[in-house]
N, C-alpha and C. Protein backbone atom coordinates (compact mmCIF):
# COMPACT_ATOMS: atom_id res chain seq x y z
N ASN A 1 140.28 -95.86 -230.89
CA ASN A 1 139.98 -94.56 -231.48
C ASN A 1 139.05 -93.78 -230.56
N LEU A 2 139.48 -92.63 -230.16
CA LEU A 2 138.68 -91.77 -229.31
C LEU A 2 137.96 -90.76 -230.19
N VAL A 3 136.69 -90.55 -229.93
CA VAL A 3 135.90 -89.62 -230.72
C VAL A 3 135.51 -88.45 -229.83
N TYR A 4 135.73 -87.24 -230.30
CA TYR A 4 135.41 -86.04 -229.54
C TYR A 4 134.35 -85.25 -230.29
N GLN A 5 133.42 -84.70 -229.53
CA GLN A 5 132.45 -83.78 -230.10
C GLN A 5 132.88 -82.39 -229.66
N LEU A 6 133.16 -81.54 -230.60
CA LEU A 6 133.61 -80.19 -230.29
C LEU A 6 132.75 -79.18 -231.04
N PRO A 7 132.54 -78.00 -230.45
CA PRO A 7 131.77 -76.97 -231.16
C PRO A 7 132.46 -76.61 -232.47
N LEU A 8 131.67 -76.42 -233.51
CA LEU A 8 132.20 -76.14 -234.84
C LEU A 8 133.09 -74.91 -234.85
N GLN A 9 132.69 -73.85 -234.14
CA GLN A 9 133.48 -72.62 -234.13
C GLN A 9 134.87 -72.88 -233.57
N LEU A 10 134.96 -73.71 -232.54
CA LEU A 10 136.24 -74.06 -231.95
C LEU A 10 137.09 -74.83 -232.96
N LEU A 11 136.47 -75.75 -233.68
CA LEU A 11 137.20 -76.51 -234.69
C LEU A 11 137.75 -75.59 -235.78
N ILE A 12 136.93 -74.63 -236.19
CA ILE A 12 137.36 -73.70 -237.23
C ILE A 12 138.54 -72.88 -236.76
N SER A 13 138.46 -72.36 -235.52
CA SER A 13 139.56 -71.54 -235.01
C SER A 13 140.83 -72.37 -234.86
N TRP A 14 140.68 -73.63 -234.45
CA TRP A 14 141.86 -74.51 -234.35
C TRP A 14 142.43 -74.81 -235.73
N PHE A 15 141.54 -74.99 -236.69
CA PHE A 15 141.99 -75.31 -238.04
C PHE A 15 142.87 -74.19 -238.60
N TYR A 16 142.49 -72.95 -238.32
CA TYR A 16 143.24 -71.82 -238.84
C TYR A 16 144.40 -71.41 -237.94
N SER A 17 144.55 -72.06 -236.82
CA SER A 17 145.64 -71.75 -235.90
C SER A 17 146.82 -72.68 -236.17
N SER A 18 148.00 -72.09 -236.32
CA SER A 18 149.19 -72.92 -236.55
C SER A 18 149.76 -73.44 -235.23
N ARG A 19 149.22 -73.01 -234.10
CA ARG A 19 149.76 -73.41 -232.80
C ARG A 19 149.29 -74.78 -232.35
N LEU A 20 148.24 -75.29 -232.94
CA LEU A 20 147.67 -76.54 -232.47
C LEU A 20 147.47 -77.50 -233.62
N GLN A 21 147.96 -78.69 -233.46
CA GLN A 21 147.73 -79.73 -234.46
C GLN A 21 146.78 -80.74 -233.85
N LEU A 22 145.76 -81.08 -234.58
CA LEU A 22 144.77 -82.03 -234.07
C LEU A 22 145.08 -83.42 -234.60
N TYR A 23 145.24 -84.35 -233.69
CA TYR A 23 145.42 -85.75 -234.07
C TYR A 23 144.26 -86.54 -233.50
N LEU A 24 143.07 -86.03 -233.67
CA LEU A 24 141.86 -86.63 -233.13
C LEU A 24 140.92 -86.98 -234.27
N GLN A 25 140.02 -87.86 -233.99
CA GLN A 25 138.94 -88.13 -234.93
C GLN A 25 137.81 -87.19 -234.53
N LEU A 26 137.46 -86.26 -235.39
CA LEU A 26 136.53 -85.19 -235.04
C LEU A 26 135.22 -85.32 -235.80
N PHE A 27 134.18 -84.91 -235.15
CA PHE A 27 132.90 -84.79 -235.81
C PHE A 27 132.12 -83.69 -235.13
N THR A 28 131.12 -83.17 -235.83
CA THR A 28 130.25 -82.15 -235.27
C THR A 28 128.87 -82.76 -235.16
N LEU A 29 128.26 -82.58 -234.00
CA LEU A 29 126.97 -83.18 -233.72
C LEU A 29 125.89 -82.11 -233.72
N LEU A 30 124.86 -82.33 -234.49
CA LEU A 30 123.69 -81.46 -234.49
C LEU A 30 122.49 -82.37 -234.35
N VAL A 31 121.82 -82.31 -233.20
CA VAL A 31 120.78 -83.29 -232.90
C VAL A 31 119.46 -82.96 -233.61
N PHE A 32 119.26 -81.71 -234.02
CA PHE A 32 118.02 -81.36 -234.72
C PHE A 32 117.83 -82.29 -235.92
N GLY A 33 118.85 -82.44 -236.68
CA GLY A 33 118.91 -83.42 -237.76
C GLY A 33 120.14 -84.23 -237.46
N TRP A 34 120.57 -85.04 -238.34
CA TRP A 34 121.81 -85.76 -238.08
C TRP A 34 122.71 -85.51 -239.26
N GLN A 35 123.41 -84.39 -239.20
CA GLN A 35 124.30 -83.98 -240.26
C GLN A 35 125.73 -84.24 -239.82
N ILE A 36 126.45 -84.99 -240.61
CA ILE A 36 127.82 -85.32 -240.28
C ILE A 36 128.73 -84.48 -241.18
N VAL A 37 129.58 -83.68 -240.54
CA VAL A 37 130.55 -82.88 -241.27
C VAL A 37 131.87 -83.64 -241.19
N ARG A 38 132.28 -84.17 -242.30
CA ARG A 38 133.49 -85.00 -242.34
C ARG A 38 134.65 -84.15 -242.83
N ILE A 39 135.75 -84.20 -242.08
CA ILE A 39 136.95 -83.48 -242.49
C ILE A 39 137.98 -84.51 -242.95
N SER A 40 139.08 -84.03 -243.51
CA SER A 40 140.06 -84.96 -244.09
C SER A 40 140.65 -85.91 -243.06
N GLU A 41 140.71 -85.51 -241.80
CA GLU A 41 141.27 -86.36 -240.75
C GLU A 41 140.29 -87.39 -240.20
N THR A 42 139.05 -87.34 -240.61
CA THR A 42 138.04 -88.26 -240.09
C THR A 42 138.23 -89.64 -240.72
N SER A 43 138.41 -90.64 -239.88
CA SER A 43 138.62 -92.00 -240.39
C SER A 43 137.29 -92.61 -240.83
N GLU A 44 137.39 -93.66 -241.61
CA GLU A 44 136.20 -94.38 -242.05
C GLU A 44 135.48 -94.99 -240.85
N ASP A 45 136.25 -95.48 -239.87
CA ASP A 45 135.66 -96.06 -238.65
C ASP A 45 134.84 -95.02 -237.88
N THR A 46 135.39 -93.81 -237.75
CA THR A 46 134.68 -92.75 -237.04
C THR A 46 133.41 -92.36 -237.78
N TYR A 47 133.52 -92.22 -239.10
CA TYR A 47 132.36 -91.88 -239.91
C TYR A 47 131.26 -92.94 -239.76
N ASN A 48 131.63 -94.20 -239.86
CA ASN A 48 130.66 -95.28 -239.71
C ASN A 48 130.06 -95.32 -238.31
N ALA A 49 130.88 -95.03 -237.30
CA ALA A 49 130.38 -94.99 -235.92
C ALA A 49 129.35 -93.89 -235.75
N MET A 50 129.57 -92.74 -236.39
CA MET A 50 128.62 -91.62 -236.29
C MET A 50 127.32 -91.96 -237.03
N LYS A 51 127.42 -92.64 -238.16
CA LYS A 51 126.21 -93.07 -238.87
C LYS A 51 125.40 -94.04 -238.01
N THR A 52 126.08 -94.97 -237.38
CA THR A 52 125.40 -95.94 -236.51
C THR A 52 124.79 -95.24 -235.30
N PHE A 53 125.53 -94.31 -234.71
CA PHE A 53 125.04 -93.55 -233.57
C PHE A 53 123.77 -92.80 -233.94
N GLY A 54 123.77 -92.13 -235.09
CA GLY A 54 122.59 -91.42 -235.57
C GLY A 54 121.42 -92.35 -235.82
N LYS A 55 121.70 -93.49 -236.44
CA LYS A 55 120.65 -94.47 -236.71
C LYS A 55 120.01 -94.96 -235.41
N ASN A 56 120.84 -95.18 -234.39
CA ASN A 56 120.33 -95.62 -233.09
C ASN A 56 119.46 -94.56 -232.41
N MET A 57 119.64 -93.29 -232.80
CA MET A 57 118.80 -92.21 -232.29
C MET A 57 117.57 -92.01 -233.17
N GLY A 58 117.43 -92.82 -234.21
CA GLY A 58 116.29 -92.67 -235.12
C GLY A 58 116.50 -91.60 -236.16
N LYS A 59 117.74 -91.26 -236.44
CA LYS A 59 118.05 -90.21 -237.42
C LYS A 59 118.61 -90.81 -238.69
N VAL A 60 118.40 -90.12 -239.80
CA VAL A 60 119.02 -90.48 -241.07
C VAL A 60 120.25 -89.61 -241.22
N SER A 61 121.39 -90.21 -241.47
CA SER A 61 122.64 -89.45 -241.61
C SER A 61 122.68 -88.70 -242.93
N VAL A 62 123.06 -87.43 -242.86
CA VAL A 62 123.26 -86.61 -244.04
C VAL A 62 124.70 -86.15 -244.00
N LEU A 63 125.50 -86.55 -244.98
CA LEU A 63 126.89 -86.14 -245.04
C LEU A 63 126.95 -84.75 -245.67
N CYS A 64 127.54 -83.80 -244.93
CA CYS A 64 127.59 -82.41 -245.39
C CYS A 64 129.04 -81.97 -245.57
N LYS A 65 129.24 -81.08 -246.50
CA LYS A 65 130.55 -80.46 -246.65
C LYS A 65 130.75 -79.50 -245.49
N ASP A 66 131.99 -79.15 -245.23
CA ASP A 66 132.32 -78.22 -244.16
C ASP A 66 132.05 -76.80 -244.64
N ASN A 67 130.80 -76.38 -244.52
CA ASN A 67 130.34 -75.06 -244.94
C ASN A 67 129.71 -74.35 -243.77
N PRO A 68 129.66 -73.01 -243.80
CA PRO A 68 128.96 -72.29 -242.73
C PRO A 68 127.47 -72.62 -242.73
N GLY A 69 126.93 -72.87 -241.57
CA GLY A 69 125.50 -73.12 -241.43
C GLY A 69 125.12 -74.54 -241.81
N PHE A 70 124.17 -75.09 -241.07
CA PHE A 70 123.68 -76.41 -241.37
C PHE A 70 122.46 -76.30 -242.27
N ILE A 71 121.98 -77.42 -242.78
CA ILE A 71 120.90 -77.43 -243.76
C ILE A 71 119.69 -76.62 -243.29
N ALA A 72 119.18 -76.93 -242.10
CA ALA A 72 117.98 -76.24 -241.61
C ALA A 72 118.21 -74.74 -241.48
N ASN A 73 119.36 -74.35 -240.94
CA ASN A 73 119.66 -72.92 -240.76
C ASN A 73 119.73 -72.21 -242.11
N ARG A 74 120.36 -72.84 -243.07
CA ARG A 74 120.52 -72.20 -244.37
C ARG A 74 119.18 -72.05 -245.09
N LEU A 75 118.24 -72.93 -244.81
CA LEU A 75 116.92 -72.84 -245.43
C LEU A 75 116.00 -71.88 -244.69
N VAL A 76 116.04 -71.90 -243.37
CA VAL A 76 115.06 -71.17 -242.56
C VAL A 76 115.43 -69.70 -242.34
N VAL A 77 116.69 -69.41 -242.12
CA VAL A 77 117.09 -68.05 -241.72
C VAL A 77 116.64 -66.98 -242.71
N PRO A 78 116.81 -67.13 -244.03
CA PRO A 78 116.34 -66.08 -244.94
C PRO A 78 114.83 -65.82 -244.81
N TYR A 79 114.04 -66.87 -244.62
CA TYR A 79 112.59 -66.70 -244.46
C TYR A 79 112.27 -66.00 -243.15
N LEU A 80 112.96 -66.36 -242.09
CA LEU A 80 112.75 -65.73 -240.80
C LEU A 80 113.08 -64.25 -240.86
N LEU A 81 114.20 -63.91 -241.47
CA LEU A 81 114.59 -62.51 -241.59
C LEU A 81 113.58 -61.73 -242.44
N SER A 82 113.06 -62.33 -243.48
CA SER A 82 112.03 -61.67 -244.30
C SER A 82 110.78 -61.40 -243.48
N ALA A 83 110.38 -62.35 -242.66
CA ALA A 83 109.20 -62.17 -241.81
C ALA A 83 109.42 -61.04 -240.81
N VAL A 84 110.59 -60.97 -240.22
CA VAL A 84 110.89 -59.89 -239.27
C VAL A 84 110.84 -58.54 -239.97
N ARG A 85 111.42 -58.46 -241.16
CA ARG A 85 111.40 -57.19 -241.91
C ARG A 85 109.97 -56.77 -242.26
N MET A 86 109.14 -57.74 -242.59
CA MET A 86 107.74 -57.43 -242.91
C MET A 86 107.02 -56.86 -241.69
N VAL A 87 107.26 -57.43 -240.53
CA VAL A 87 106.65 -56.92 -239.30
C VAL A 87 107.17 -55.51 -239.01
N GLU A 88 108.46 -55.30 -239.21
CA GLU A 88 109.05 -53.98 -238.97
C GLU A 88 108.43 -52.92 -239.88
N ARG A 89 107.96 -53.32 -241.04
CA ARG A 89 107.35 -52.38 -241.99
C ARG A 89 105.84 -52.33 -241.86
N ASP A 90 105.32 -52.82 -240.72
CA ASP A 90 103.88 -52.80 -240.44
C ASP A 90 103.06 -53.58 -241.46
N TRP A 91 103.61 -54.64 -241.99
CA TRP A 91 102.93 -55.48 -242.97
C TRP A 91 101.59 -55.99 -242.45
N GLU A 92 101.54 -56.36 -241.16
CA GLU A 92 100.31 -56.94 -240.62
C GLU A 92 99.15 -55.95 -240.62
N LYS A 93 99.43 -54.65 -240.64
CA LYS A 93 98.35 -53.65 -240.70
C LYS A 93 97.71 -53.63 -242.09
N LEU A 94 98.46 -54.01 -243.10
CA LEU A 94 97.92 -54.07 -244.46
C LEU A 94 97.04 -55.30 -244.67
N PHE A 95 97.29 -56.35 -243.89
CA PHE A 95 96.56 -57.61 -244.02
C PHE A 95 96.09 -58.08 -242.64
N PRO A 96 95.12 -57.38 -242.05
CA PRO A 96 94.70 -57.71 -240.69
C PRO A 96 94.04 -59.08 -240.55
N ASP A 97 93.50 -59.63 -241.62
CA ASP A 97 92.85 -60.94 -241.52
C ASP A 97 93.84 -62.09 -241.71
N ASP A 98 95.13 -61.79 -241.81
CA ASP A 98 96.20 -62.78 -241.84
C ASP A 98 96.13 -63.71 -243.04
N GLN A 99 95.61 -63.25 -244.17
CA GLN A 99 95.53 -64.10 -245.36
C GLN A 99 96.92 -64.45 -245.91
N ALA A 100 97.87 -63.56 -245.74
CA ALA A 100 99.21 -63.82 -246.26
C ALA A 100 99.91 -64.95 -245.54
N PHE A 101 99.55 -65.16 -244.26
CA PHE A 101 100.22 -66.18 -243.46
C PHE A 101 99.23 -67.17 -242.87
N LYS A 102 98.13 -67.35 -243.55
CA LYS A 102 97.09 -68.25 -243.06
C LYS A 102 97.62 -69.70 -243.00
N VAL A 103 97.25 -70.40 -241.93
CA VAL A 103 97.66 -71.79 -241.76
C VAL A 103 96.95 -72.64 -242.81
N PRO A 104 97.68 -73.48 -243.54
CA PRO A 104 97.06 -74.30 -244.57
C PRO A 104 96.03 -75.26 -243.98
N PRO A 105 94.95 -75.55 -244.72
CA PRO A 105 93.89 -76.44 -244.23
C PRO A 105 94.40 -77.82 -243.82
N THR A 106 95.36 -78.36 -244.55
CA THR A 106 95.89 -79.69 -244.21
C THR A 106 96.50 -79.70 -242.82
N LEU A 107 97.25 -78.66 -242.48
CA LEU A 107 97.87 -78.59 -241.15
C LEU A 107 96.81 -78.45 -240.07
N THR A 108 95.80 -77.63 -240.30
CA THR A 108 94.70 -77.47 -239.34
C THR A 108 93.99 -78.80 -239.13
N LYS A 109 93.75 -79.53 -240.20
CA LYS A 109 93.07 -80.84 -240.13
C LYS A 109 93.91 -81.83 -239.31
N LEU A 110 95.20 -81.90 -239.57
CA LEU A 110 96.07 -82.82 -238.84
C LEU A 110 96.07 -82.52 -237.34
N VAL A 111 96.13 -81.26 -236.99
CA VAL A 111 96.13 -80.87 -235.57
C VAL A 111 94.81 -81.25 -234.91
N LYS A 112 93.68 -80.98 -235.59
CA LYS A 112 92.37 -81.35 -235.04
C LYS A 112 92.25 -82.86 -234.83
N GLU A 113 92.91 -83.63 -235.69
CA GLU A 113 92.88 -85.10 -235.58
C GLU A 113 93.91 -85.63 -234.58
N GLY A 114 94.66 -84.72 -233.95
CA GLY A 114 95.67 -85.15 -232.98
C GLY A 114 96.91 -85.76 -233.61
N LYS A 115 97.14 -85.46 -234.86
CA LYS A 115 98.30 -86.01 -235.58
C LYS A 115 99.44 -84.98 -235.54
N PHE A 116 100.33 -85.16 -234.54
CA PHE A 116 101.39 -84.19 -234.29
C PHE A 116 102.77 -84.68 -234.74
N GLY A 117 102.82 -85.62 -235.65
CA GLY A 117 104.11 -86.13 -236.11
C GLY A 117 104.62 -87.22 -235.20
N LYS A 118 105.92 -87.25 -234.98
CA LYS A 118 106.54 -88.30 -234.15
C LYS A 118 105.92 -88.35 -232.76
N LYS A 119 105.54 -87.20 -232.24
CA LYS A 119 104.96 -87.13 -230.89
C LYS A 119 103.74 -88.03 -230.76
N SER A 120 102.90 -88.07 -231.79
CA SER A 120 101.68 -88.88 -231.75
C SER A 120 101.78 -90.15 -232.60
N GLY A 121 102.89 -90.29 -233.32
CA GLY A 121 103.07 -91.46 -234.17
C GLY A 121 102.57 -91.29 -235.60
N GLU A 122 101.93 -90.15 -235.85
CA GLU A 122 101.40 -89.90 -237.19
C GLU A 122 101.27 -88.40 -237.42
N GLY A 123 101.44 -88.00 -238.65
CA GLY A 123 101.32 -86.60 -239.06
C GLY A 123 101.35 -86.60 -240.57
N PHE A 124 102.35 -85.95 -241.15
CA PHE A 124 102.55 -86.06 -242.60
C PHE A 124 102.97 -87.48 -242.96
N TYR A 125 103.62 -88.15 -242.01
CA TYR A 125 104.07 -89.53 -242.18
C TYR A 125 103.51 -90.38 -241.05
N LYS A 126 103.49 -91.70 -241.24
CA LYS A 126 103.16 -92.63 -240.16
C LYS A 126 104.47 -93.20 -239.66
N TYR A 127 104.69 -93.08 -238.35
CA TYR A 127 105.93 -93.56 -237.76
C TYR A 127 105.70 -94.93 -237.14
N GLY A 128 106.60 -95.86 -237.43
CA GLY A 128 106.50 -97.21 -236.88
C GLY A 128 106.90 -97.25 -235.42
N ASN A 129 106.61 -98.37 -234.79
CA ASN A 129 106.96 -98.51 -233.37
C ASN A 129 108.42 -98.67 -233.18
């Protein structure tokens, strides 16, 4: 069984194209997290291989439906766009002391203690060796 990693947009265009039939075991790789998008042609062996591959990279596999946008993008983008709109409307002039976006004390404390997450081995969580 050969496994190919292809860009999601290419897979979508192929899926809707009647000119090409895919007889491959396909998966989409997103290294930020380890989200596996399983399609009907994905075999159990391929799915298990991707879970193992993710585990070997220190990732927890999240099985996702074939939907636009990945988990992180779907959560972050609306907040990012709201922040951009606020800046466009001169929001920061109304709150020059940055109280609306002040860094939480817990995060400031962790940084002062050198706890940067996986990079330092500790942050919100303690990471094992």
